[in-house]
Amino acid sequence: MKNTLFLLLVAFLVSGVSQAVAYEYDYGVSVDDTVTWTGTYDHTTGGGKFTFSVIGSDDTWTTFCAETTQYLPAAYTPMTVTAISDSNSSNTGTLSNEAAWLYWSFNQGTLDYDYEKNTDQDNLQKLIWFEMGMVKDNETLETYFSDDADYLQVTDWLNSAAGWTNNGLVQVLNLQYTTYEYDKHGHIKNEIINNSQDVLVAATNPVPEPASMALLGMGLIGLIVVGRKKVKKN
């Protein structure tokens, strides 16, 4: 009986600690960084796959749009990251677990997806928008994807997403860029800050937060104390 109780305590502590661990993620980009898109894209939906990079870095990533009402500036236009959040800057869409799973799986190469097929990337972009709530109030999945093959594909994706929790693995880059108005002499008359199309970004290298490490340490200390008491009684 004592052995059973001890094992139950171990399981409880380990489970509690693992559930409580939170993470600070490295997205490869930070607030105030300057990013640009390379002009490489492939879409027919008004959104789709875009290649982005941080200025001053050779790293690039492929991403999808998190807006339906804003647009990217011309290729290679510098854009400033104003926030990394779970919603777009126009407040028209918020990341659901399903939308985050779609991009995370795409980014990890685990999505049942043909990376060279335009219809697949169109469906993925539209489904991300749908799952972020950027559709008409009366829109259903079936009406949004009226083609039977498209509907079957996105339904299969959503079934695979069931039970997955984002926890910050995927976020939205909120972006802005600057344009200028010039007078007749060619001097800058006005500086205009524009909201850009926001895009998705996936996390890398999860690192436990200090508070979570402290909680883990407390749990381990508790196990040691219980273990010593058990040894002494024996």
Protein backbone atom coordinates (compact mmCIF):
# COMPACT_ATOMS: atom_id res chain seq x y z
CA MET A 1 0.00 0.00 0.00
CA LYS A 2 2.83 2.43 0.92
CA ASN A 3 4.59 1.69 -2.36
CA THR A 4 1.39 2.42 -4.26
CA LEU A 5 0.90 5.75 -2.47
CA PHE A 6 4.50 6.72 -3.13
CA LEU A 7 4.16 5.96 -6.84
CA LEU A 8 0.92 7.93 -6.99
CA LEU A 9 2.66 10.90 -5.35
CA VAL A 10 5.50 10.70 -7.86
CA ALA A 11 3.07 10.61 -10.76
CA PHE A 12 1.08 13.52 -9.33
CA LEU A 13 4.13 15.73 -8.82
CA VAL A 14 5.68 14.96 -12.19
CA SER A 15 2.37 15.51 -13.97
CA GLY A 16 1.70 18.77 -12.12
CA VAL A 17 5.14 20.14 -12.81
CA SER A 18 5.09 19.20 -16.49
CA GLN A 19 1.70 20.83 -16.97
CA ALA A 20 2.83 23.99 -15.19
CA VAL A 21 6.03 24.45 -17.19
CA ALA A 22 5.75 27.56 -19.35
CA TYR A 23 8.09 28.54 -22.11
CA GLU A 24 9.75 31.60 -23.51
CA TYR A 25 10.23 31.05 -27.21
CA ASP A 26 12.79 32.28 -29.70
CA TYR A 27 11.00 33.13 -32.93
CA GLY A 28 14.13 34.17 -34.77
CA VAL A 29 12.76 37.71 -34.80
CA SER A 30 12.02 40.26 -32.07
CA VAL A 31 10.00 43.42 -31.54
CA ASP A 32 11.68 46.43 -33.24
CA ASP A 33 13.51 44.18 -35.70
CA THR A 34 13.31 45.20 -39.34
CA VAL A 35 12.04 42.54 -41.71
CA THR A 36 11.27 42.35 -45.38
CA TRP A 37 9.75 39.95 -47.83
CA THR A 38 11.76 38.76 -50.77
CA GLY A 39 9.21 39.08 -53.54
CA THR A 40 8.84 35.30 -53.59
CA TYR A 41 5.22 34.31 -53.26
CA ASP A 42 2.77 31.83 -54.65
CA HIS A 43 -0.91 32.52 -54.27
CA THR A 44 -4.23 33.09 -55.95
CA THR A 45 -6.36 33.84 -52.89
CA GLY A 46 -5.03 37.31 -52.02
CA GLY A 47 -2.79 35.64 -49.46
CA GLY A 48 -0.52 32.61 -49.50
CA LYS A 49 3.09 31.59 -49.07
CA PHE A 50 5.55 34.45 -48.69
CA THR A 51 9.27 34.30 -47.97
CA PHE A 52 10.42 36.66 -45.20
CA SER A 53 13.75 37.49 -43.63
CA VAL A 54 15.16 39.69 -40.88
CA ILE A 55 17.30 42.46 -42.36
CA GLY A 56 20.92 41.75 -41.46
CA SER A 57 20.31 38.01 -41.26
CA ASP A 58 20.61 35.25 -43.84
CA ASP A 59 17.76 33.31 -42.23
CA THR A 60 14.46 33.16 -44.09
CA TRP A 61 11.12 31.60 -43.33
CA THR A 62 7.99 30.85 -45.31
CA THR A 63 4.85 32.29 -43.86
CA PHE A 64 1.15 32.95 -44.42
CA CYS A 65 -0.99 36.05 -44.04
CA ALA A 66 -2.84 36.84 -40.82
CA GLU A 67 -4.95 39.65 -42.32
CA THR A 68 -7.63 39.90 -44.97
CA THR A 69 -7.92 43.70 -45.04
CA GLN A 70 -4.26 44.77 -45.34
CA TYR A 71 -1.50 44.22 -47.85
CA LEU A 72 2.26 43.85 -48.00
CA PRO A 73 4.26 46.75 -49.40
CA ALA A 74 6.53 46.27 -52.41
CA ALA A 75 9.17 43.55 -52.11
CA TYR A 76 12.21 44.43 -49.99
CA THR A 77 10.42 47.34 -48.30
CA PRO A 78 11.68 47.49 -44.67
CA MET A 79 8.95 46.70 -42.14
CA THR A 80 9.20 47.11 -38.39
CA VAL A 81 7.94 44.44 -36.01
CA THR A 82 5.70 46.35 -33.59
CA ALA A 83 4.45 43.34 -31.63
CA ILE A 84 4.49 39.55 -31.51
CA SER A 85 1.05 38.52 -30.36
CA ASP A 86 -1.84 36.13 -30.86
CA SER A 87 -3.93 38.54 -32.94
CA ASN A 88 -3.49 40.75 -35.96
CA SER A 89 -3.03 44.49 -35.66
CA SER A 90 -6.40 45.31 -37.21
CA ASN A 91 -8.10 43.24 -34.46
CA THR A 92 -10.02 41.27 -37.07
CA GLY A 93 -8.54 37.88 -36.25
CA THR A 94 -7.13 35.94 -33.30
CA LEU A 95 -5.11 32.74 -33.40
CA SER A 96 -7.13 29.69 -32.47
CA ASN A 97 -5.40 26.43 -31.57
CA GLU A 98 -6.51 25.08 -34.95
CA ALA A 99 -5.05 28.01 -36.93
CA ALA A 100 -1.80 27.75 -34.97
CA TRP A 101 -1.64 23.98 -35.52
CA LEU A 102 -2.04 24.43 -39.26
CA TYR A 103 0.95 26.76 -39.52
CA TRP A 104 3.02 24.84 -36.97
CA SER A 105 2.48 21.59 -38.89
CA PHE A 106 3.26 23.32 -42.19
CA ASN A 107 6.43 24.79 -40.67
CA GLN A 108 7.52 21.42 -39.27
CA GLY A 109 6.82 19.62 -42.55
CA THR A 110 4.30 17.30 -40.90
CA LEU A 111 1.14 18.59 -42.58
CA ASP A 112 -0.46 16.37 -45.21
CA TYR A 113 0.23 19.00 -47.82
CA ASP A 114 1.76 19.23 -51.28
CA TYR A 115 4.25 22.09 -50.97
CA GLU A 116 4.33 22.53 -54.76
CA LYS A 117 0.57 22.51 -55.32
CA ASN A 118 -1.17 25.89 -55.54
CA THR A 119 -4.57 24.57 -54.48
CA ASP A 120 -3.07 23.16 -51.27
CA GLN A 121 -1.45 26.44 -50.25
CA ASP A 122 -4.62 28.33 -51.20
CA ASN A 123 -6.69 26.02 -49.02
CA LEU A 124 -4.23 26.36 -46.15
CA GLN A 125 -4.30 30.16 -46.33
CA LYS A 126 -8.10 30.26 -46.47
CA LEU A 127 -8.43 27.80 -43.59
CA ILE A 128 -6.05 29.85 -41.43
CA TRP A 129 -8.22 32.90 -42.09
CA PHE A 130 -11.36 30.91 -41.36
CA GLU A 131 -10.01 29.54 -38.08
CA MET A 132 -8.88 33.03 -37.03
CA GLY A 133 -12.45 34.23 -37.47
CA MET A 134 -11.88 36.46 -40.49
CA VAL A 135 -14.99 35.43 -42.43
CA LYS A 136 -18.59 36.56 -42.61
CA ASP A 137 -20.66 35.89 -39.51
CA ASN A 138 -22.89 33.36 -41.30
CA GLU A 139 -20.02 31.67 -43.16
CA THR A 140 -19.62 27.93 -42.62
CA LEU A 141 -16.71 25.68 -43.51
CA GLU A 142 -18.83 23.99 -46.15
CA THR A 143 -19.82 27.24 -47.87
CA TYR A 144 -16.33 28.70 -47.55
CA PHE A 145 -14.88 25.61 -49.27
CA SER A 146 -17.57 24.82 -51.79
CA ASP A 147 -15.43 22.40 -53.82
CA ASP A 148 -15.88 18.87 -52.45
CA ALA A 149 -12.20 17.96 -52.69
CA ASP A 150 -11.13 21.19 -50.95
CA TYR A 151 -13.72 20.68 -48.21
CA LEU A 152 -12.55 17.11 -47.61
CA GLN A 153 -8.92 18.22 -47.39
CA VAL A 154 -9.51 21.02 -44.87
CA THR A 155 -11.82 18.81 -42.81
CA ASP A 156 -9.07 16.20 -42.57
CA TRP A 157 -6.63 18.91 -41.44
CA LEU A 158 -8.99 20.11 -38.72
CA ASN A 159 -9.58 16.56 -37.50
CA SER A 160 -5.81 16.18 -37.11
CA ALA A 161 -5.66 19.43 -35.12
CA ALA A 162 -8.13 18.23 -32.49
CA GLY A 163 -6.78 18.45 -28.93
CA TRP A 164 -3.61 20.37 -29.83
CA THR A 165 -2.77 23.46 -27.74
CA ASN A 166 -0.69 26.32 -29.11
CA ASN A 167 0.96 27.70 -25.92
CA GLY A 168 2.80 30.31 -27.96
CA LEU A 169 4.42 28.01 -30.51
CA VAL A 170 2.87 30.12 -33.24
CA GLN A 171 2.34 33.88 -33.07
CA VAL A 172 1.47 36.81 -35.32
CA LEU A 173 4.06 39.39 -36.36
CA ASN A 174 2.39 42.81 -36.29
CA LEU A 175 4.14 44.93 -38.91
CA GLN A 176 4.36 48.57 -39.99
CA TYR A 177 6.24 50.37 -42.75
CA THR A 178 6.95 53.98 -43.61
CA THR A 179 6.18 55.91 -46.77
CA TYR A 180 6.95 59.55 -47.55
CA GLU A 181 5.29 62.51 -49.22
CA TYR A 182 7.63 64.92 -51.02
CA ASP A 183 7.27 68.59 -51.88
CA LYS A 184 7.99 69.95 -55.35
CA HIS A 185 11.65 70.33 -54.46
CA GLY A 186 12.00 66.66 -53.63
CA HIS A 187 12.19 67.24 -49.87
CA ILE A 188 10.27 65.04 -47.47
CA LYS A 189 7.03 66.77 -46.55
CA ASN A 190 5.28 64.04 -44.54
CA GLU A 191 6.26 60.72 -43.02
CA ILE A 192 3.39 58.24 -43.07
CA ILE A 193 3.28 55.13 -40.89
CA ASN A 194 1.31 52.33 -42.52
CA ASN A 195 0.06 49.09 -41.04
CA SER A 196 1.28 46.17 -43.11
CA GLN A 197 -0.15 42.75 -43.73
CA ASP A 198 0.66 40.74 -40.58
CA VAL A 199 2.18 37.28 -40.97
CA LEU A 200 2.64 34.12 -38.89
CA VAL A 201 5.85 33.01 -37.25
CA ALA A 202 6.76 29.72 -35.54
CA ALA A 203 8.87 29.35 -32.41
CA THR A 204 12.18 27.56 -32.09
CA ASN A 205 14.32 26.43 -29.15
CA PRO A 206 11.79 26.45 -26.30
CA VAL A 207 13.44 27.50 -23.01
CA PRO A 208 11.68 26.98 -19.65
CA GLU A 209 11.04 30.20 -17.75
CA PRO A 210 12.87 30.64 -14.40
CA ALA A 211 9.62 30.32 -12.44
CA SER A 212 8.90 27.01 -14.11
CA MET A 213 12.39 25.75 -13.34
CA ALA A 214 11.88 26.72 -9.71
CA LEU A 215 8.61 24.80 -9.65
CA LEU A 216 10.33 21.80 -11.15
CA GLY A 217 13.03 22.02 -8.47
CA MET A 218 10.43 22.17 -5.69
CA GLY A 219 8.75 19.09 -7.10
CA LEU A 220 12.02 17.17 -7.17
CA ILE A 221 12.87 18.24 -3.62
CA GLY A 222 9.46 16.99 -2.53
CA LEU A 223 10.16 13.62 -4.09
CA ILE A 224 13.54 13.39 -2.34
CA VAL A 225 11.98 14.19 1.06
CA VAL A 226 9.26 11.59 0.62
CA GLY A 227 11.83 9.07 -0.56
CA ARG A 228 14.06 9.62 2.51
CA LYS A 229 11.13 9.20 4.88
CA LYS A 230 10.24 5.97 3.14
CA VAL A 231 13.83 4.68 3.49
CA LYS A 232 13.99 5.56 7.21
CA LYS A 233 10.72 3.76 7.95
CA ASN A 234 12.02 0.67 6.20
